[in-house]
């Protein structure tokens, strides 16, 4: 009798995978499945104890055996399918363990701490298309960026904060289009000129901070400066001023604002490249993602301050508020504004500071390029100009070359911007077909180092973007902040 129950449980587990878990998206329901499983186990124990007349110890043991058999049947069927020739991704090369679970990447990151280097090593070993998860392909084919990001929709990973959403995470096209119109209003030519005025004020604070921190006790500029921290403070001050009209004064105080500390702690979980279903389970556990929700709450507080001030000043947040400027947001609108508020901080400070820091690093390594940049900027100034303005330098070849080359070698989002292929799949080229409903990504750190896309890909050569265009073999592969929706 016990054997038949165990066998039936194992078969039920296999059928559960074949008929249910193998179809559709389930990443949002992990915590619910876990709770339902516990409830069923509790009911089974109660039935065996009170109806069948077994003692509690026997009931618990029987329930444990049945539950274990069910999970064994489910997991075994799942693993066998993922390893079998009938799996759509069976022909694609990759680490053997990655075929079983996306947790492969998580364990690699635990060892190396740097996901972009793990992916670079994987592509060097397995080629331009690597299976890095049971249903996930990492692709560095030259045509992959435009084919994937213009054709595929956002993958389940973008449900990270659901029901909170933003223009970045919206998987619904109508919502994305609606938010895009509001974002476009925040970046008109007039608005950009207004932002430049605010940025120039903070630029003066940056120069004062450099002057102060570089001087030793005798007043001589001999002391080294932590450029990473300095640029982080600068980017965050700019973001606060331009996005919310808020003065964070990090350059003035020399200390991290509480939001930066919250952001750094909150983003740690994402950096470990956990599968989305596991992140959603973690989100459901009280206290485990406390720092993240404190960060989201802080960002939304800044949005609320901007809304309640009734100001007409040119802040990005004032455009994103849209119809909520003059009334309280509905519950659905509040969820979107929460998402946009945290996106403003992350995209407006974290990615900017990373790019600026890496640009400074390369300029220090290449003093001849620094000299060329200074000469070009000086030549762009008109008689009587006392400071540099964006209109003077925005078309400088050397400046744009340095920016592009920095973003090529050090993309602010170096690893994965996940997409989901349409049901009928996509063709990367005439010979490479990617099946439907597969998660795909184009790791920009690896793309920037591809010999198929760039000549001398590991060298910092700004001229490849203007005077030496043949060094860029396929320009459409360069999209450090991605393309499409």
Protein backbone atom coordinates (compact mmCIF):
# COMPACT_ATOMS: atom_id res chain seq x y z
CA UNK A 1 0.00 0.00 0.00
CA UNK A 2 2.78 2.41 0.92
CA UNK A 3 4.67 1.51 -2.26
CA UNK A 4 1.62 2.22 -4.40
CA UNK A 5 1.15 5.62 -2.73
CA UNK A 6 4.80 6.50 -3.35
CA UNK A 7 4.59 5.35 -6.97
CA UNK A 8 1.37 7.29 -7.51
CA UNK A 9 2.99 10.40 -6.02
CA UNK A 10 6.01 10.08 -8.32
CA UNK A 11 3.77 9.64 -11.37
CA UNK A 12 1.70 12.65 -10.25
CA UNK A 13 4.88 14.72 -10.05
CA UNK A 14 5.87 13.71 -13.58
CA UNK A 15 2.39 14.53 -14.88
CA UNK A 16 2.44 17.88 -13.08
CA UNK A 17 5.50 18.89 -15.07
CA UNK A 18 4.25 17.53 -18.39
CA UNK A 19 0.74 18.98 -18.20
CA UNK A 20 1.28 22.19 -16.19
CA UNK A 21 4.76 23.43 -15.30
CA UNK A 22 6.07 22.79 -18.80
CA UNK A 23 3.64 25.37 -20.19
CA UNK A 24 3.32 29.11 -19.66
CA UNK A 25 5.06 31.40 -17.16
CA UNK A 26 5.18 30.50 -13.48
CA UNK A 27 7.87 32.81 -12.09
CA UNK A 28 5.37 35.02 -10.25
CA UNK A 29 3.81 32.13 -8.35
CA UNK A 30 6.76 30.46 -6.62
CA UNK A 31 5.79 31.59 -3.12
CA UNK A 32 2.16 30.59 -3.76
CA UNK A 33 3.18 27.13 -4.96
CA UNK A 34 5.31 26.68 -1.86
CA UNK A 35 2.45 27.65 0.45
CA UNK A 36 0.02 25.38 -1.41
CA UNK A 37 2.48 22.52 -1.12
CA UNK A 38 2.74 23.05 2.65
CA UNK A 39 -1.06 23.18 2.96
CA UNK A 40 -1.45 19.90 1.05
CA UNK A 41 1.20 18.26 3.23
CA UNK A 42 -0.60 19.49 6.34
CA UNK A 43 -3.93 18.15 5.09
CA UNK A 44 -2.29 14.80 4.30
CA UNK A 45 -0.82 14.57 7.80
CA UNK A 46 -4.15 15.49 9.40
CA UNK A 47 -6.01 12.92 7.28
CA UNK A 48 -3.62 10.11 8.15
CA UNK A 49 -3.76 11.02 11.84
CA UNK A 50 -7.42 11.76 12.44
CA UNK A 51 -9.16 9.71 9.74
CA UNK A 52 -6.81 6.77 9.22
CA UNK A 53 -5.94 6.51 12.91
CA UNK A 54 -2.11 6.61 12.62
CA UNK A 55 -0.03 8.30 15.27
CA UNK A 56 1.49 11.69 14.44
CA UNK A 57 5.01 10.34 13.87
CA UNK A 58 3.82 7.74 11.36
CA UNK A 59 1.65 10.31 9.59
CA UNK A 60 4.55 12.75 9.26
CA UNK A 61 6.83 10.03 7.89
CA UNK A 62 4.24 8.89 5.36
CA UNK A 63 3.55 12.46 4.24
CA UNK A 64 7.28 13.11 3.90
CA UNK A 65 7.73 10.01 1.71
CA UNK A 66 4.80 10.94 -0.51
CA UNK A 67 5.91 14.58 -0.83
CA UNK A 68 9.48 13.54 -1.59
CA UNK A 69 8.27 11.10 -4.23
CA UNK A 70 6.12 13.78 -5.86
CA UNK A 71 9.04 16.22 -6.01
CA UNK A 72 11.37 13.49 -7.25
CA UNK A 73 8.99 12.63 -10.08
CA UNK A 74 8.55 16.28 -11.00
CA UNK A 75 12.26 17.19 -10.89
CA UNK A 76 13.44 14.00 -12.60
CA UNK A 77 11.02 14.50 -15.48
CA UNK A 78 12.07 18.14 -15.76
CA UNK A 79 15.80 17.31 -15.81
CA UNK A 80 15.40 14.45 -18.28
CA UNK A 81 13.47 16.72 -20.63
CA UNK A 82 16.08 19.49 -20.40
CA UNK A 83 18.86 17.02 -21.19
CA UNK A 84 16.98 15.15 -23.90
CA UNK A 85 17.31 15.57 -27.68
CA UNK A 86 13.68 16.72 -27.88
CA UNK A 87 14.45 19.95 -26.01
CA UNK A 88 14.44 22.91 -28.46
CA UNK A 89 17.88 24.05 -27.27
CA UNK A 90 19.54 20.64 -27.32
CA UNK A 91 21.76 21.45 -30.32
CA UNK A 92 23.25 24.61 -28.77
CA UNK A 93 26.58 24.18 -26.93
CA UNK A 94 27.15 25.21 -23.35
CA UNK A 95 28.26 24.02 -19.90
CA UNK A 96 26.59 20.68 -19.09
CA UNK A 97 25.16 21.91 -15.78
CA UNK A 98 23.62 24.94 -17.47
CA UNK A 99 21.35 22.61 -19.43
CA UNK A 100 19.76 21.54 -16.17
CA UNK A 101 19.18 24.92 -14.54
CA UNK A 102 19.85 28.66 -14.81
CA UNK A 103 21.29 28.29 -11.31
CA UNK A 104 24.53 27.37 -13.12
CA UNK A 105 25.22 31.07 -13.70
CA UNK A 106 24.45 31.88 -10.07
CA UNK A 107 26.99 29.33 -8.81
CA UNK A 108 29.59 30.61 -11.27
CA UNK A 109 29.08 34.15 -9.99
CA UNK A 110 29.44 32.90 -6.42
CA UNK A 111 32.92 31.66 -7.34
CA UNK A 112 34.09 34.53 -9.58
CA UNK A 113 31.92 37.41 -8.32
CA UNK A 114 31.81 38.82 -11.86
CA UNK A 115 29.11 37.55 -14.21
CA UNK A 116 30.50 39.39 -17.26
CA UNK A 117 33.81 37.51 -17.00
CA UNK A 118 31.95 34.21 -16.61
CA UNK A 119 30.04 34.89 -19.83
CA UNK A 120 33.21 36.02 -21.63
CA UNK A 121 34.92 32.75 -20.69
CA UNK A 122 31.86 30.73 -21.74
CA UNK A 123 31.77 32.33 -25.18
CA UNK A 124 35.50 31.81 -25.66
CA UNK A 125 34.99 28.11 -24.96
CA UNK A 126 31.68 27.41 -26.69
CA UNK A 127 31.34 30.03 -29.43
CA UNK A 128 28.98 32.89 -30.30
CA UNK A 129 25.82 31.16 -29.03
CA UNK A 130 25.97 29.53 -25.60
CA UNK A 131 23.24 27.79 -23.65
CA UNK A 132 23.63 29.31 -20.17
CA UNK A 133 20.37 28.01 -18.74
CA UNK A 134 17.72 25.39 -19.36
CA UNK A 135 15.84 27.83 -21.61
CA UNK A 136 18.38 30.67 -21.98
CA UNK A 137 20.82 31.45 -24.78
CA UNK A 138 23.60 34.03 -24.57
CA UNK A 139 24.30 35.34 -28.09
CA UNK A 140 27.19 37.48 -29.37
CA UNK A 141 26.55 37.10 -33.08
CA UNK A 142 27.12 40.46 -34.88
CA UNK A 143 23.48 40.63 -35.99
CA UNK A 144 22.06 39.53 -32.66
CA UNK A 145 21.47 42.95 -31.11
CA UNK A 146 19.17 44.30 -33.81
CA UNK A 147 17.48 40.96 -34.50
CA UNK A 148 16.72 40.26 -30.84
CA UNK A 149 15.95 43.68 -29.40
CA UNK A 150 13.79 44.81 -32.32
CA UNK A 151 11.87 41.54 -32.59
CA UNK A 152 11.61 39.95 -29.15
CA UNK A 153 9.64 41.14 -26.15
CA UNK A 154 10.89 41.50 -22.61
CA UNK A 155 11.50 38.27 -20.72
CA UNK A 156 9.96 37.30 -17.36
CA UNK A 157 12.97 38.80 -15.55
CA UNK A 158 11.39 42.24 -16.02
CA UNK A 159 8.63 41.22 -13.60
CA UNK A 160 11.24 41.63 -10.87
CA UNK A 161 9.24 44.26 -8.93
CA UNK A 162 5.75 43.43 -10.16
CA UNK A 163 3.17 44.89 -9.57
CA UNK A 164 5.51 47.92 -9.49
CA UNK A 165 6.56 48.71 -13.04
CA UNK A 166 8.24 51.41 -15.14
CA UNK A 167 9.03 52.19 -18.75
CA UNK A 168 12.09 49.97 -18.38
CA UNK A 169 10.27 46.95 -16.96
CA UNK A 170 6.87 47.27 -18.66
CA UNK A 171 6.11 44.14 -20.67
CA UNK A 172 2.81 45.60 -21.85
CA UNK A 173 3.26 47.57 -25.09
CA UNK A 174 0.38 49.98 -24.40
CA UNK A 175 1.80 50.94 -21.00
CA UNK A 176 5.29 51.32 -22.47
CA UNK A 177 3.99 53.62 -25.22
CA UNK A 178 2.07 55.72 -22.71
CA UNK A 179 5.09 56.18 -20.45
CA UNK A 180 7.38 56.81 -23.42
CA UNK A 181 5.34 59.87 -24.39
CA UNK A 182 5.82 61.33 -20.91
CA UNK A 183 9.54 60.55 -20.92
CA UNK A 184 9.87 62.25 -24.32
CA UNK A 185 8.41 65.43 -22.82
CA UNK A 186 11.18 65.38 -20.22
CA UNK A 187 13.93 65.38 -22.86
CA UNK A 188 12.95 68.08 -25.31
CA UNK A 189 15.68 70.43 -26.52
CA UNK A 190 14.39 73.17 -24.21
CA UNK A 191 14.43 70.86 -21.21
CA UNK A 192 17.96 69.69 -21.98
CA UNK A 193 19.18 73.29 -21.95
CA UNK A 194 17.50 73.80 -18.59
CA UNK A 195 19.17 70.68 -17.22
CA UNK A 196 22.55 71.93 -18.43
CA UNK A 197 22.21 75.01 -16.25
CA UNK A 198 21.71 72.82 -13.18
CA UNK A 199 24.56 70.51 -14.17
CA UNK A 200 26.96 73.43 -14.54
CA UNK A 201 26.32 74.44 -10.93
CA UNK A 202 27.18 70.96 -9.72
CA UNK A 203 30.19 70.89 -12.03
CA UNK A 204 31.59 73.83 -10.06
CA UNK A 205 31.06 71.86 -6.86
CA UNK A 206 32.97 68.97 -8.43
CA UNK A 207 35.95 71.17 -9.26
CA UNK A 208 35.92 72.62 -5.75
CA UNK A 209 35.84 69.12 -4.28
CA UNK A 210 38.78 68.00 -6.44
CA UNK A 211 40.74 71.08 -5.40
CA UNK A 212 39.97 70.44 -1.74
CA UNK A 213 40.63 66.69 -1.67
CA UNK A 214 43.82 66.81 -3.72
CA UNK A 215 45.67 69.15 -1.37
CA UNK A 216 47.89 67.85 1.40
CA UNK A 217 48.26 69.52 4.79
CA UNK A 218 50.65 72.07 3.26
CA UNK A 219 48.14 73.06 0.59
CA UNK A 220 49.95 71.36 -2.27
CA UNK A 221 47.98 69.22 -4.80
CA UNK A 222 49.84 66.00 -4.00
CA UNK A 223 47.13 63.85 -2.44
CA UNK A 224 45.50 61.05 -4.48
CA UNK A 225 41.74 61.09 -4.91
CA UNK A 226 39.28 58.19 -4.93
CA UNK A 227 37.85 59.00 -8.36
CA UNK A 228 35.21 56.27 -8.23
CA UNK A 229 33.68 57.67 -5.05
CA UNK A 230 34.02 61.24 -6.29
CA UNK A 231 32.25 60.55 -9.59
CA UNK A 232 29.58 58.57 -7.77
CA UNK A 233 28.85 61.61 -5.61
CA UNK A 234 28.86 63.89 -8.66
CA UNK A 235 26.45 61.70 -10.64
CA UNK A 236 24.10 61.38 -7.69
CA UNK A 237 24.07 65.13 -7.06
CA UNK A 238 23.29 65.73 -10.74
CA UNK A 239 20.53 63.13 -10.68
CA UNK A 240 18.92 64.70 -7.60
CA UNK A 241 19.03 68.19 -9.07
CA UNK A 242 17.84 67.30 -12.58
CA UNK A 243 15.36 64.56 -11.70
CA UNK A 244 13.74 65.96 -8.57
CA UNK A 245 15.18 69.41 -7.89
CA UNK A 246 16.64 67.94 -4.70
CA UNK A 247 20.00 68.95 -3.26
CA UNK A 248 21.81 65.84 -2.00
CA UNK A 249 25.05 67.80 -1.39
CA UNK A 250 27.25 64.72 -1.54
CA UNK A 251 30.07 66.65 -3.18
CA UNK A 252 29.88 69.25 -0.45
CA UNK A 253 29.80 66.82 2.47
CA UNK A 254 31.98 64.07 1.02
CA UNK A 255 29.61 61.46 2.43
CA UNK A 256 27.31 58.95 0.79
CA UNK A 257 23.65 59.84 0.84
CA UNK A 258 21.49 57.18 2.50
CA UNK A 259 19.89 56.37 -0.87
CA UNK A 260 23.26 55.32 -2.35
CA UNK A 261 23.90 52.93 0.53
CA UNK A 262 20.41 51.50 0.14
CA UNK A 263 20.90 51.18 -3.62
CA UNK A 264 24.23 49.36 -3.29
CA UNK A 265 22.80 46.88 -0.79
CA UNK A 266 19.55 46.44 -2.69
CA UNK A 267 21.23 45.69 -6.04
CA UNK A 268 23.44 42.96 -4.58
CA UNK A 269 20.81 40.25 -5.09
CA UNK A 270 20.46 41.09 -8.79
CA UNK A 271 24.23 40.96 -9.20
CA UNK A 272 24.24 37.29 -8.22
CA UNK A 273 22.21 36.46 -11.35
CA UNK A 274 19.57 34.47 -9.51
CA UNK A 275 16.69 33.06 -11.57
CA UNK A 276 13.66 35.33 -11.53
CA UNK A 277 11.47 32.76 -9.78
CA UNK A 278 13.93 32.57 -6.89
CA UNK A 279 14.13 36.36 -6.62
CA UNK A 280 10.34 36.50 -6.49
CA UNK A 281 10.34 33.96 -3.67
CA UNK A 282 12.91 36.08 -1.81
CA UNK A 283 10.74 39.18 -2.32
CA UNK A 284 7.84 37.34 -0.67
CA UNK A 285 9.87 36.56 2.47
CA UNK A 286 9.36 39.39 5.00
CA UNK A 287 12.56 41.29 5.76
CA UNK A 288 14.80 39.53 3.25
CA UNK A 289 14.58 42.33 0.67
CA UNK A 290 14.01 45.08 3.21
CA UNK A 291 16.76 47.35 1.81
CA UNK A 292 15.30 47.25 -1.67
CA UNK A 293 11.85 48.30 -0.51
CA UNK A 294 13.36 51.04 1.62
CA UNK A 295 15.12 52.29 -1.50
CA UNK A 296 11.91 52.17 -3.55
CA UNK A 297 10.05 54.00 -0.77
CA UNK A 298 12.72 56.70 -0.61
CA UNK A 299 12.61 57.26 -4.38
CA UNK A 300 8.82 57.49 -4.38
CA UNK A 301 9.00 59.95 -1.49
CA UNK A 302 11.06 62.25 -3.73
CA UNK A 303 8.43 61.90 -6.46
CA UNK A 304 5.69 62.78 -3.96
CA UNK A 305 7.62 65.83 -2.77
CA UNK A 306 7.89 66.97 -6.38
CA UNK A 307 4.16 66.42 -6.92
CA UNK A 308 3.07 68.20 -3.75
CA UNK A 309 5.28 71.21 -4.47
CA UNK A 310 3.09 72.11 -7.50
CA UNK A 311 6.21 73.49 -9.17
CA UNK A 312 6.55 74.24 -12.86
CA UNK A 313 10.33 74.02 -12.73
CA UNK A 314 11.91 71.71 -15.33
CA UNK A 315 12.51 68.53 -13.35
CA UNK A 316 12.27 65.15 -15.06
CA UNK A 317 9.88 63.94 -12.36
CA UNK A 318 7.44 66.76 -13.11
CA UNK A 319 7.01 65.42 -16.65
CA UNK A 320 6.64 61.81 -15.52
CA UNK A 321 3.83 62.73 -13.13
CA UNK A 322 1.64 63.45 -16.15
CA UNK A 323 -2.02 63.76 -15.15
CA UNK A 324 -1.13 63.12 -11.50
CA UNK A 325 0.34 66.61 -11.10
CA UNK A 326 -3.03 68.02 -10.06
CA UNK A 327 -4.57 65.02 -8.30
CA UNK A 328 -3.70 61.98 -6.25
CA UNK A 329 -2.62 58.99 -8.34
CA UNK A 330 -4.87 55.96 -8.59
CA UNK A 331 -3.50 52.69 -7.12
CA UNK A 332 -2.33 51.55 -10.58
CA UNK A 333 -0.74 54.94 -11.31
CA UNK A 334 1.03 54.85 -7.96
CA UNK A 335 2.63 51.51 -8.84
CA UNK A 336 3.95 52.98 -12.09
CA UNK A 337 5.22 56.13 -10.38
CA UNK A 338 7.04 54.00 -7.80
CA UNK A 339 8.78 52.16 -10.62
CA UNK A 340 9.65 55.35 -12.50
CA UNK A 341 10.98 56.95 -9.31
CA UNK A 342 13.51 54.18 -8.63
CA UNK A 343 14.40 54.00 -12.35
CA UNK A 344 15.29 57.71 -12.29
CA UNK A 345 17.77 57.16 -9.48
CA UNK A 346 19.36 53.97 -10.83
CA UNK A 347 19.58 55.00 -14.49
CA UNK A 348 20.38 58.62 -13.67
CA UNK A 349 23.23 57.99 -11.26
CA UNK A 350 24.54 54.42 -11.15
CA UNK A 351 25.08 53.87 -14.88
CA UNK A 352 26.36 57.43 -15.39
CA UNK A 353 28.94 57.19 -12.62
CA UNK A 354 30.18 53.84 -13.96
CA UNK A 355 30.68 55.26 -17.47
CA UNK A 356 32.41 58.43 -16.25
CA UNK A 357 34.73 56.50 -13.94
CA UNK A 358 35.78 54.11 -16.71
CA UNK A 359 36.35 57.01 -19.11
CA UNK A 360 38.65 58.69 -16.59
CA UNK A 361 40.49 55.40 -16.12
CA UNK A 362 41.21 55.09 -19.84
CA UNK A 363 42.22 58.75 -20.16
CA UNK A 364 44.75 58.27 -17.38
CA UNK A 365 46.13 55.22 -19.20
CA UNK A 366 46.30 57.15 -22.50
CA UNK A 367 47.65 60.67 -21.82
CA UNK A 368 48.03 61.36 -25.55
CA UNK A 369 44.26 60.97 -25.97
CA UNK A 370 43.71 63.28 -23.00
CA UNK A 371 45.88 65.90 -24.70
CA UNK A 372 43.92 65.56 -27.95
CA UNK A 373 40.66 65.99 -26.04
CA UNK A 374 41.85 69.13 -24.27
CA UNK A 375 43.02 70.66 -27.53
CA UNK A 376 39.73 69.87 -29.27
CA UNK A 377 37.68 71.37 -26.44
CA UNK A 378 39.84 74.51 -26.35
CA UNK A 379 39.44 74.92 -30.10
CA UNK A 380 35.65 74.65 -29.79
CA UNK A 381 35.37 77.67 -27.50
CA UNK A 382 34.26 80.94 -29.03
CA UNK A 383 35.91 84.30 -28.20
CA UNK A 384 34.57 85.47 -24.87
CA UNK A 385 33.46 82.01 -23.69
CA UNK A 386 34.26 81.50 -20.03
CA UNK A 387 33.04 77.90 -19.77
CA UNK A 388 32.31 74.88 -21.92
CA UNK A 389 28.72 74.33 -23.03
CA UNK A 390 27.11 71.26 -24.54
CA UNK A 391 26.38 72.97 -27.86
CA UNK A 392 30.10 73.67 -28.30
CA UNK A 393 31.35 70.14 -27.74
CA UNK A 394 28.45 67.81 -28.60
CA UNK A 395 29.77 67.20 -32.13
CA UNK A 396 33.47 66.83 -31.27
CA UNK A 397 34.71 63.62 -32.90
CA UNK A 398 37.32 62.92 -30.24
CA UNK A 399 34.83 63.41 -27.37
CA UNK A 400 32.15 61.19 -28.92
CA UNK A 401 34.81 58.65 -29.81
CA UNK A 402 35.97 58.48 -26.19
CA UNK A 403 32.38 58.12 -24.97
CA UNK A 404 31.56 55.34 -27.45
CA UNK A 405 34.82 53.51 -26.82
CA UNK A 406 34.26 53.65 -23.07
CA UNK A 407 30.73 52.29 -23.43
CA UNK A 408 32.00 49.56 -25.77
CA UNK A 409 34.63 48.29 -23.34
CA UNK A 410 32.78 49.08 -20.11
CA UNK A 411 29.04 48.99 -20.79
CA UNK A 412 27.09 50.09 -17.68
CA UNK A 413 24.91 46.99 -18.14
CA UNK A 414 27.62 44.45 -19.00
CA UNK A 415 25.75 41.16 -18.82
CA UNK A 416 22.13 40.51 -19.58
CA UNK A 417 19.13 42.43 -20.89
CA UNK A 418 16.87 39.44 -21.30
CA UNK A 419 14.35 39.03 -24.10
CA UNK A 420 11.84 36.31 -25.02
CA UNK A 421 11.65 35.11 -28.61
CA UNK A 422 8.24 35.14 -30.34
CA UNK A 423 6.33 31.87 -30.59
CA UNK A 424 7.53 31.19 -34.14
CA UNK A 425 11.17 31.91 -33.26
CA UNK A 426 13.66 34.21 -35.00
CA UNK A 427 16.44 33.90 -37.56
CA UNK A 428 19.69 35.60 -36.54
CA UNK A 429 21.07 35.02 -40.04
CA UNK A 430 20.39 32.62 -42.92
CA UNK A 431 21.78 29.67 -40.95
CA UNK A 432 21.02 30.42 -37.30
CA UNK A 433 17.48 29.82 -36.04
CA UNK A 434 16.43 30.42 -32.42
CA UNK A 435 13.25 28.56 -31.36
CA UNK A 436 10.20 30.33 -29.96
CA UNK A 437 9.62 31.20 -26.28
CA UNK A 438 13.33 31.07 -25.48
CA UNK A 439 15.06 33.59 -23.22
CA UNK A 440 17.89 35.27 -25.13
CA UNK A 441 20.42 37.91 -24.16
CA UNK A 442 23.25 39.82 -25.80
CA UNK A 443 25.96 40.46 -23.15
CA UNK A 444 27.41 43.82 -24.16
CA UNK A 445 30.69 43.25 -22.33
CA UNK A 446 31.33 40.21 -24.51
CA UNK A 447 30.02 41.88 -27.67
CA UNK A 448 32.45 44.75 -27.16
CA UNK A 449 35.34 42.28 -27.20
CA UNK A 450 34.30 40.29 -30.26
CA UNK A 451 36.76 39.97 -33.15
CA UNK A 452 33.77 39.49 -35.44
CA UNK A 453 32.55 43.00 -34.66
CA UNK A 454 35.68 45.05 -33.95
CA UNK A 455 39.32 45.10 -34.99
CA UNK A 456 41.67 44.98 -31.99
CA UNK A 457 38.63 44.74 -29.68
CA UNK A 458 40.62 44.85 -26.44
CA UNK A 459 42.36 48.14 -27.29
CA UNK A 460 41.01 51.60 -26.40
CA UNK A 461 40.93 53.36 -29.79
CA UNK A 462 38.45 56.28 -29.97
CA UNK A 463 39.37 56.87 -33.63
CA UNK A 464 37.46 53.74 -34.63
CA UNK A 465 34.29 55.83 -34.24
CA UNK A 466 35.26 58.64 -36.63
CA UNK A 467 38.55 58.57 -38.55
CA UNK A 468 39.02 54.77 -38.66
CA UNK A 469 35.51 53.38 -39.30
CA UNK A 470 36.84 50.13 -40.77
CA UNK A 471 37.80 49.13 -37.22
CA UNK A 472 34.07 48.71 -36.56
CA UNK A 473 33.00 45.77 -38.70
CA UNK A 474 29.33 45.84 -37.75
CA UNK A 475 28.18 49.13 -36.19
CA UNK A 476 24.64 47.94 -35.40
CA UNK A 477 26.05 45.61 -32.75
CA UNK A 478 26.96 48.65 -30.66
CA UNK A 479 23.98 49.43 -28.41
CA UNK A 480 25.24 49.73 -24.81
CA UNK A 481 21.86 50.93 -23.56
CA UNK A 482 20.03 48.54 -25.93
CA UNK A 483 17.43 49.34 -28.59
CA UNK A 484 13.77 48.60 -29.15
CA UNK A 485 11.22 48.46 -26.37
